[in-house]
């Protein structure tokens, strides 16, 4: 059924609704932050996985896009994105060959944190007659990937020696929730993240290593990283939609959330419980309740004292606060905890304006893991 122009009552549930006005506001707000700071904005499209939204970001001033995997890059390259950074190291024969072939068609830059990855990329690029940009990933405290600052020089020098590779610079991702973050503010954490990477870039340049780009900062820390002199680029992703993690960190107010999961109450098993038609196949479970983000359950009802207490595949069990009594058949807009992994569970985003469907976007890059 053609949904364009229909009211929300025409939609079956569960489905993901995007407030197009809030989406545009969020895109323009981050673009203004980068522009005023004099840094490039290269948004991470793993959040939305939709080429049309990437085009909105580029139109607002983004210099290019960031992806996590080469299969994501393929989707966006096929829809006109020609400057792509994969903020993830490329390892394995298939991936090295894939990167080299993709670099024949677009400006591709990838992350690396090992000699093995650099040598594999070099061999593949040489065989394909292409050039692959390289950013060395630096571990600034998350301890997920990247080399220590002391190890960056050797990898930069290796990149400069190897044919088919072009040393582009350095990047890091630390975020605000890592061991040792403590109760420091986002501003302090972002400033430290940026200053650490800039100091390394300056030290490498003093040793004759040409570092062009110094890239750091996601949605929580990016606006603060951008204020550090010497940072050239920020890479936020979640900002387009926002979610409960961002609300609870103080990054945004609930009014900035642009994506909701519309669900229907299908059962009332107890006075303080209700069941909706969205479970673990609809709501992400990668961020547990409580923890460092102080999350209530697996999602919350927008503006109401209701949260997803538990999930099975097709059932979401809601805990109802005092005075909350949704009826069977009621539809509730829910805010996900982590919007990036939530989007990856669905096939389409439904863009809404003025209470009516204005866009239906297939999530073309969902499930792209390679």
Protein backbone atom coordinates (compact mmCIF):
# COMPACT_ATOMS: atom_id res chain seq x y z
CA UNK A 1 0.00 0.00 0.00
CA UNK A 2 1.23 3.48 -0.85
CA UNK A 3 1.55 5.22 2.50
CA UNK A 4 2.50 8.70 1.32
CA UNK A 5 -0.06 11.20 2.58
CA UNK A 6 -1.69 8.71 4.93
CA UNK A 7 -2.24 9.37 8.63
CA UNK A 8 -0.48 7.36 11.30
CA UNK A 9 -3.56 5.19 11.80
CA UNK A 10 -2.81 3.65 8.40
CA UNK A 11 0.47 2.21 9.69
CA UNK A 12 0.85 -1.30 11.02
CA UNK A 13 3.07 -1.83 14.03
CA UNK A 14 5.78 -2.12 15.11
CA UNK A 15 7.29 0.47 12.80
CA UNK A 16 9.89 3.21 13.00
CA UNK A 17 8.75 6.80 12.64
CA UNK A 18 11.09 9.68 11.85
CA UNK A 19 10.00 13.23 12.59
CA UNK A 20 11.37 14.93 9.48
CA UNK A 21 11.42 18.40 10.99
CA UNK A 22 13.43 17.22 14.03
CA UNK A 23 15.73 15.24 11.75
CA UNK A 24 16.49 18.34 9.67
CA UNK A 25 17.01 20.43 12.80
CA UNK A 26 19.47 17.91 14.23
CA UNK A 27 21.39 17.75 10.95
CA UNK A 28 21.62 21.53 10.70
CA UNK A 29 22.58 21.93 14.37
CA UNK A 30 25.64 19.65 14.14
CA UNK A 31 26.64 21.16 10.80
CA UNK A 32 26.57 24.61 12.42
CA UNK A 33 28.75 23.40 15.31
CA UNK A 34 31.39 22.10 12.89
CA UNK A 35 31.20 25.17 10.67
CA UNK A 36 31.59 27.60 13.57
CA UNK A 37 34.55 25.62 14.95
CA UNK A 38 36.21 25.51 11.53
CA UNK A 39 36.37 21.72 11.35
CA UNK A 40 35.06 19.21 8.86
CA UNK A 41 31.98 17.15 9.62
CA UNK A 42 32.07 13.54 8.43
CA UNK A 43 28.94 11.92 9.93
CA UNK A 44 28.83 8.22 10.71
CA UNK A 45 25.99 6.78 8.64
CA UNK A 46 25.80 3.52 10.60
CA UNK A 47 23.13 5.33 12.62
CA UNK A 48 20.59 5.67 9.83
CA UNK A 49 21.94 3.45 6.99
CA UNK A 50 19.84 5.43 4.48
CA UNK A 51 21.43 7.15 1.44
CA UNK A 52 18.75 9.84 1.32
CA UNK A 53 19.63 10.96 4.86
CA UNK A 54 23.32 10.98 3.95
CA UNK A 55 22.46 13.33 1.08
CA UNK A 56 20.71 15.62 3.57
CA UNK A 57 23.87 15.66 5.68
CA UNK A 58 26.08 16.39 2.68
CA UNK A 59 23.76 19.18 1.57
CA UNK A 60 24.09 20.72 5.04
CA UNK A 61 27.87 20.84 4.70
CA UNK A 62 29.33 17.42 5.53
CA UNK A 63 32.62 16.78 3.71
CA UNK A 64 31.91 13.09 3.23
CA UNK A 65 30.65 10.18 5.29
CA UNK A 66 31.94 7.59 7.74
CA UNK A 67 31.00 3.90 7.61
CA UNK A 68 31.85 0.85 9.70
CA UNK A 69 32.08 -1.80 6.99
CA UNK A 70 32.89 -2.05 3.29
CA UNK A 71 29.45 -3.41 2.44
CA UNK A 72 27.98 -0.24 3.96
CA UNK A 73 30.38 1.79 1.85
CA UNK A 74 29.19 -0.03 -1.29
CA UNK A 75 25.57 0.96 -0.62
CA UNK A 76 26.39 4.63 -0.19
CA UNK A 77 28.86 4.69 -3.07
CA UNK A 78 26.13 3.32 -5.34
CA UNK A 79 23.99 6.29 -4.33
CA UNK A 80 26.48 9.04 -5.06
CA UNK A 81 28.69 9.25 -1.94
CA UNK A 82 32.22 9.50 -3.33
CA UNK A 83 34.31 10.39 -0.24
CA UNK A 84 34.06 7.64 2.37
CA UNK A 85 36.08 6.87 5.48
CA UNK A 86 35.75 3.43 7.04
CA UNK A 87 36.50 3.95 10.72
CA UNK A 88 37.34 0.30 11.18
CA UNK A 89 40.47 -1.64 10.37
CA UNK A 90 40.33 -3.81 7.23
CA UNK A 91 41.68 -7.32 7.81
CA UNK A 92 41.53 -10.41 5.58
CA UNK A 93 42.18 -11.24 1.94
CA UNK A 94 38.57 -10.75 0.82
CA UNK A 95 38.32 -7.36 2.50
CA UNK A 96 41.68 -6.12 1.25
CA UNK A 97 40.67 -6.99 -2.30
CA UNK A 98 37.22 -5.42 -1.79
CA UNK A 99 38.76 -2.18 -0.49
CA UNK A 100 41.17 -1.99 -3.40
CA UNK A 101 38.38 -2.45 -5.93
CA UNK A 102 36.14 0.10 -4.22
CA UNK A 103 39.02 2.58 -4.19
CA UNK A 104 39.02 2.42 -8.00
CA UNK A 105 35.60 4.13 -7.98
CA UNK A 106 35.60 6.48 -4.99
CA UNK A 107 37.96 8.25 -2.61
CA UNK A 108 38.24 5.56 0.06
CA UNK A 109 40.09 5.95 3.33
CA UNK A 110 40.24 3.17 5.89
CA UNK A 111 41.47 2.70 9.43
CA UNK A 112 44.50 0.57 10.28
CA UNK A 113 46.25 -0.40 13.49
CA UNK A 114 48.63 -3.18 12.45
CA UNK A 115 51.41 -3.91 9.98
CA UNK A 116 49.48 -6.96 8.81
CA UNK A 117 46.54 -4.82 7.71
CA UNK A 118 48.77 -2.26 6.02
CA UNK A 119 50.70 -4.87 4.05
CA UNK A 120 47.54 -6.66 2.96
CA UNK A 121 45.97 -3.40 1.80
CA UNK A 122 49.13 -2.42 -0.03
CA UNK A 123 49.34 -5.70 -1.93
CA UNK A 124 45.68 -5.51 -2.94
CA UNK A 125 45.88 -1.86 -3.99
CA UNK A 126 49.01 -2.52 -6.05
CA UNK A 127 47.33 -5.43 -7.81
CA UNK A 128 44.21 -3.36 -8.52
CA UNK A 129 46.10 -0.25 -9.55
CA UNK A 130 44.29 1.84 -6.95
CA UNK A 131 45.27 4.01 -4.00
CA UNK A 132 43.77 3.61 -0.54
CA UNK A 133 43.89 6.37 2.06
CA UNK A 134 45.06 5.28 5.49
CA UNK A 135 44.28 6.72 8.90
CA UNK A 136 46.12 5.16 11.80
CA UNK A 137 43.74 4.37 14.66
CA UNK A 138 44.99 5.49 18.05
CA UNK A 139 43.72 4.04 21.33
CA UNK A 140 43.04 7.02 23.61
CA UNK A 141 41.44 5.04 26.41
CA UNK A 142 38.56 2.87 25.18
CA UNK A 143 40.87 -0.15 24.67
CA UNK A 144 38.73 -1.54 21.88
CA UNK A 145 41.06 -1.07 18.90
CA UNK A 146 43.94 1.11 17.86
CA UNK A 147 47.60 1.41 18.78
CA UNK A 148 48.99 3.28 21.74
CA UNK A 149 50.22 6.78 20.93
CA UNK A 150 53.78 5.42 21.20
CA UNK A 151 53.06 2.89 18.47
CA UNK A 152 51.62 5.30 15.91
CA UNK A 153 54.93 6.48 14.42
CA UNK A 154 56.00 3.01 13.29
CA UNK A 155 52.69 2.43 11.51
CA UNK A 156 52.79 5.86 9.86
CA UNK A 157 56.30 5.14 8.58
CA UNK A 158 55.20 1.72 7.34
CA UNK A 159 52.30 3.35 5.46
CA UNK A 160 54.65 5.83 3.80
CA UNK A 161 56.93 3.00 2.64
CA UNK A 162 54.24 0.79 1.16
CA UNK A 163 53.00 1.24 -2.43
CA UNK A 164 49.31 1.85 -3.06
CA UNK A 165 48.75 3.54 0.29
CA UNK A 166 48.33 7.24 1.07
CA UNK A 167 48.83 8.33 4.68
CA UNK A 168 45.90 10.59 5.47
CA UNK A 169 46.28 11.05 9.23
CA UNK A 170 45.11 9.84 12.62
CA UNK A 171 41.75 9.01 14.16
CA UNK A 172 40.38 7.85 17.46
CA UNK A 173 37.11 6.96 19.12
CA UNK A 174 36.91 7.04 22.89
CA UNK A 175 33.41 8.19 23.77
CA UNK A 176 32.33 9.29 27.24
CA UNK A 177 31.91 5.89 28.89
CA UNK A 178 35.27 4.18 29.24
CA UNK A 179 37.25 2.85 32.17
CA UNK A 180 38.65 5.87 33.93
CA UNK A 181 36.16 8.42 32.62
CA UNK A 182 34.79 8.93 36.11
CA UNK A 183 32.37 11.77 36.56
CA UNK A 184 34.16 14.19 34.27
CA UNK A 185 31.94 16.34 32.06
CA UNK A 186 31.48 15.76 28.35
CA UNK A 187 33.28 19.04 27.75
CA UNK A 188 36.33 17.92 29.71
CA UNK A 189 36.37 14.46 28.15
CA UNK A 190 36.00 15.84 24.65
CA UNK A 191 38.70 18.43 25.16
CA UNK A 192 41.09 15.79 26.49
CA UNK A 193 40.28 13.41 23.63
CA UNK A 194 41.05 16.12 21.09
CA UNK A 195 44.16 17.41 22.82
CA UNK A 196 45.64 13.90 23.10
CA UNK A 197 45.30 13.28 19.37
CA UNK A 198 46.47 16.77 18.36
CA UNK A 199 49.59 16.47 20.54
CA UNK A 200 50.42 13.17 18.84
CA UNK A 201 49.85 14.64 15.37
CA UNK A 202 52.16 17.57 16.16
CA UNK A 203 54.86 15.27 17.50
CA UNK A 204 54.71 13.13 14.35
CA UNK A 205 54.88 16.19 12.09
CA UNK A 206 57.96 17.35 14.00
CA UNK A 207 59.55 14.02 13.02
CA UNK A 208 58.79 14.61 9.35
CA UNK A 209 55.63 12.53 9.09
CA UNK A 210 52.91 14.31 7.08
CA UNK A 211 49.69 14.13 9.10
CA UNK A 212 46.83 15.84 7.24
CA UNK A 213 43.68 14.85 9.09
CA UNK A 214 43.18 14.60 12.85
CA UNK A 215 39.75 13.06 13.38
CA UNK A 216 37.93 12.37 16.66
CA UNK A 217 34.65 12.80 18.50
CA UNK A 218 31.22 11.20 18.29
CA UNK A 219 27.85 12.69 19.18
CA UNK A 220 28.50 13.23 22.92
CA UNK A 221 32.07 14.55 22.69
CA UNK A 222 32.24 15.82 19.10
CA UNK A 223 31.05 19.40 19.78
CA UNK A 224 33.77 19.72 22.45
CA UNK A 225 36.46 17.96 20.41
CA UNK A 226 35.73 20.45 17.63
CA UNK A 227 36.86 23.33 19.84
CA UNK A 228 40.41 21.94 20.17
CA UNK A 229 42.83 23.76 17.89
CA UNK A 230 44.42 21.26 15.52
CA UNK A 231 41.42 18.95 15.20
CA UNK A 232 40.40 18.84 11.55
CA UNK A 233 37.31 16.61 11.62
CA UNK A 234 34.55 15.19 13.84
CA UNK A 235 32.51 12.04 13.15
CA UNK A 236 29.20 12.04 15.09
CA UNK A 237 26.44 9.65 14.05
CA UNK A 238 23.65 9.35 16.62
CA UNK A 239 22.87 13.08 16.50
CA UNK A 240 20.53 12.70 13.53
CA UNK A 241 17.99 10.75 15.63
CA UNK A 242 19.21 10.86 19.26
CA UNK A 243 18.14 8.19 21.78
CA UNK A 244 17.91 7.38 25.49
CA UNK A 245 21.67 7.13 25.87
CA UNK A 246 22.08 10.68 24.61
CA UNK A 247 19.23 11.95 26.80
CA UNK A 248 20.70 10.34 29.91
CA UNK A 249 24.15 11.77 29.21
CA UNK A 250 22.68 15.24 28.89
CA UNK A 251 23.52 15.53 25.20
CA UNK A 252 19.95 16.38 24.24
CA UNK A 253 16.45 16.87 25.59
CA UNK A 254 13.71 14.34 24.78
CA UNK A 255 12.27 16.94 22.39
CA UNK A 256 15.28 16.44 20.09
CA UNK A 257 14.59 12.73 19.54
CA UNK A 258 13.65 12.29 15.90
CA UNK A 259 13.02 8.51 15.79
CA UNK A 260 10.36 6.58 17.69
CA UNK A 261 9.23 2.98 17.48
CA UNK A 262 5.45 2.91 17.22
CA UNK A 263 4.11 -0.16 19.02
CA UNK A 264 0.67 -1.51 19.89
CA UNK A 265 -0.40 -2.75 23.33
CA UNK A 266 -1.48 -6.35 22.79
CA UNK A 267 -2.00 -7.55 26.37
CA UNK A 268 -2.41 -6.37 29.97
CA UNK A 269 -1.09 -9.27 32.06
CA UNK A 270 -1.14 -7.29 35.34
CA UNK A 271 -2.18 -3.89 36.69
CA UNK A 272 1.38 -2.61 36.51
CA UNK A 273 2.31 -4.40 33.26
CA UNK A 274 1.43 -4.20 29.59
CA UNK A 275 2.77 -6.09 26.60
CA UNK A 276 3.54 -4.51 23.22
CA UNK A 277 4.14 -6.09 19.83
CA UNK A 278 7.83 -5.20 19.78
CA UNK A 279 10.40 -7.39 21.48
CA UNK A 280 14.06 -8.23 20.95
CA UNK A 281 13.52 -8.26 17.16
CA UNK A 282 12.49 -4.60 17.42
CA UNK A 283 14.37 -3.09 20.38
CA UNK A 284 18.12 -3.40 20.63
CA UNK A 285 19.58 -5.31 23.54
CA UNK A 286 23.22 -4.35 23.16
CA UNK A 287 23.07 -1.76 25.95
CA UNK A 288 21.76 -3.33 29.17
CA UNK A 289 19.54 -1.49 31.63
CA UNK A 290 21.24 0.49 34.35
CA UNK A 291 24.98 0.45 33.83
CA UNK A 292 27.01 3.52 33.01
CA UNK A 293 24.15 5.06 31.03
CA UNK A 294 21.61 4.70 33.86
CA UNK A 295 18.96 3.37 31.47
CA UNK A 296 15.48 2.25 32.46
CA UNK A 297 14.91 -1.06 30.75
CA UNK A 298 15.31 -1.41 26.99
CA UNK A 299 13.30 1.61 25.85
CA UNK A 300 10.83 4.17 27.17
CA UNK A 301 7.44 5.51 26.13
CA UNK A 302 7.82 9.10 25.00
CA UNK A 303 6.62 11.48 27.72
CA UNK A 304 5.21 8.74 29.94
CA UNK A 305 6.29 6.78 32.99
CA UNK A 306 6.52 3.52 31.06
CA UNK A 307 9.57 1.46 30.09
CA UNK A 308 10.36 -1.89 28.49
CA UNK A 309 11.15 -4.08 31.48
CA UNK A 310 11.80 -7.31 29.60
CA UNK A 311 11.75 -8.79 26.12
CA UNK A 312 11.35 -12.02 24.23
CA UNK A 313 11.44 -12.16 20.44
CA UNK A 314 8.02 -10.65 19.72
CA UNK A 315 6.94 -9.40 23.14
CA UNK A 316 8.01 -6.32 25.01
CA UNK A 317 6.82 -6.26 28.62
CA UNK A 318 6.23 -2.73 29.85
CA UNK A 319 6.51 -1.64 33.45
CA UNK A 320 3.81 0.97 34.13
CA UNK A 321 4.35 3.86 36.51
CA UNK A 322 1.65 5.22 38.85
CA UNK A 323 -1.42 6.35 36.96
CA UNK A 324 -0.37 4.70 33.70
CA UNK A 325 -3.09 2.43 32.30
CA UNK A 326 -2.76 1.89 28.54
CA UNK A 327 -5.52 -0.21 27.01
CA UNK A 328 -5.21 -3.12 24.62
CA UNK A 329 -5.06 -1.58 21.16
CA UNK A 330 -3.42 1.67 22.29
CA UNK A 331 -0.36 2.69 20.27
CA UNK A 332 2.71 4.00 22.05
CA UNK A 333 5.69 5.86 20.52
CA UNK A 334 8.79 4.42 22.16
CA UNK A 335 12.29 5.89 22.40
CA UNK A 336 15.04 3.27 21.87
CA UNK A 337 18.09 3.10 24.10
CA UNK A 338 20.61 2.81 21.26
CA UNK A 339 19.21 3.96 17.96
CA UNK A 340 22.01 2.66 15.70
CA UNK A 341 21.48 -1.01 16.47
CA UNK A 342 17.72 -0.48 16.63
CA UNK A 343 17.60 0.81 13.05
CA UNK A 344 19.55 -2.23 11.91
CA UNK A 345 16.65 -4.47 12.99
CA UNK A 346 14.08 -2.95 10.62
CA UNK A 347 13.51 -2.68 6.89
CA UNK A 348 12.19 0.88 6.55
CA UNK A 349 12.02 4.30 8.13
CA UNK A 350 8.73 6.14 7.80
CA UNK A 351 9.21 9.90 7.61
CA UNK A 352 6.37 11.89 9.16
CA UNK A 353 5.46 15.55 8.99
CA UNK A 354 2.28 17.12 10.35
CA UNK A 355 0.92 13.76 11.45
CA UNK A 356 1.10 12.28 7.95
CA UNK A 357 3.52 10.05 6.10
CA UNK A 358 5.80 12.10 3.86
CA UNK A 359 8.61 9.62 3.12
CA UNK A 360 9.25 5.90 3.23
CA UNK A 361 12.94 5.08 3.13
CA UNK A 362 14.23 1.52 2.80
CA UNK A 363 17.15 0.94 5.17
CA UNK A 364 19.45 -0.16 2.39
CA UNK A 365 22.60 -0.62 4.48
CA UNK A 366 21.03 -2.69 7.28
CA UNK A 367 22.67 -6.03 7.95
CA UNK A 368 25.90 -5.07 6.16
CA UNK A 369 28.45 -6.74 8.41
CA UNK A 370 31.38 -7.37 6.05
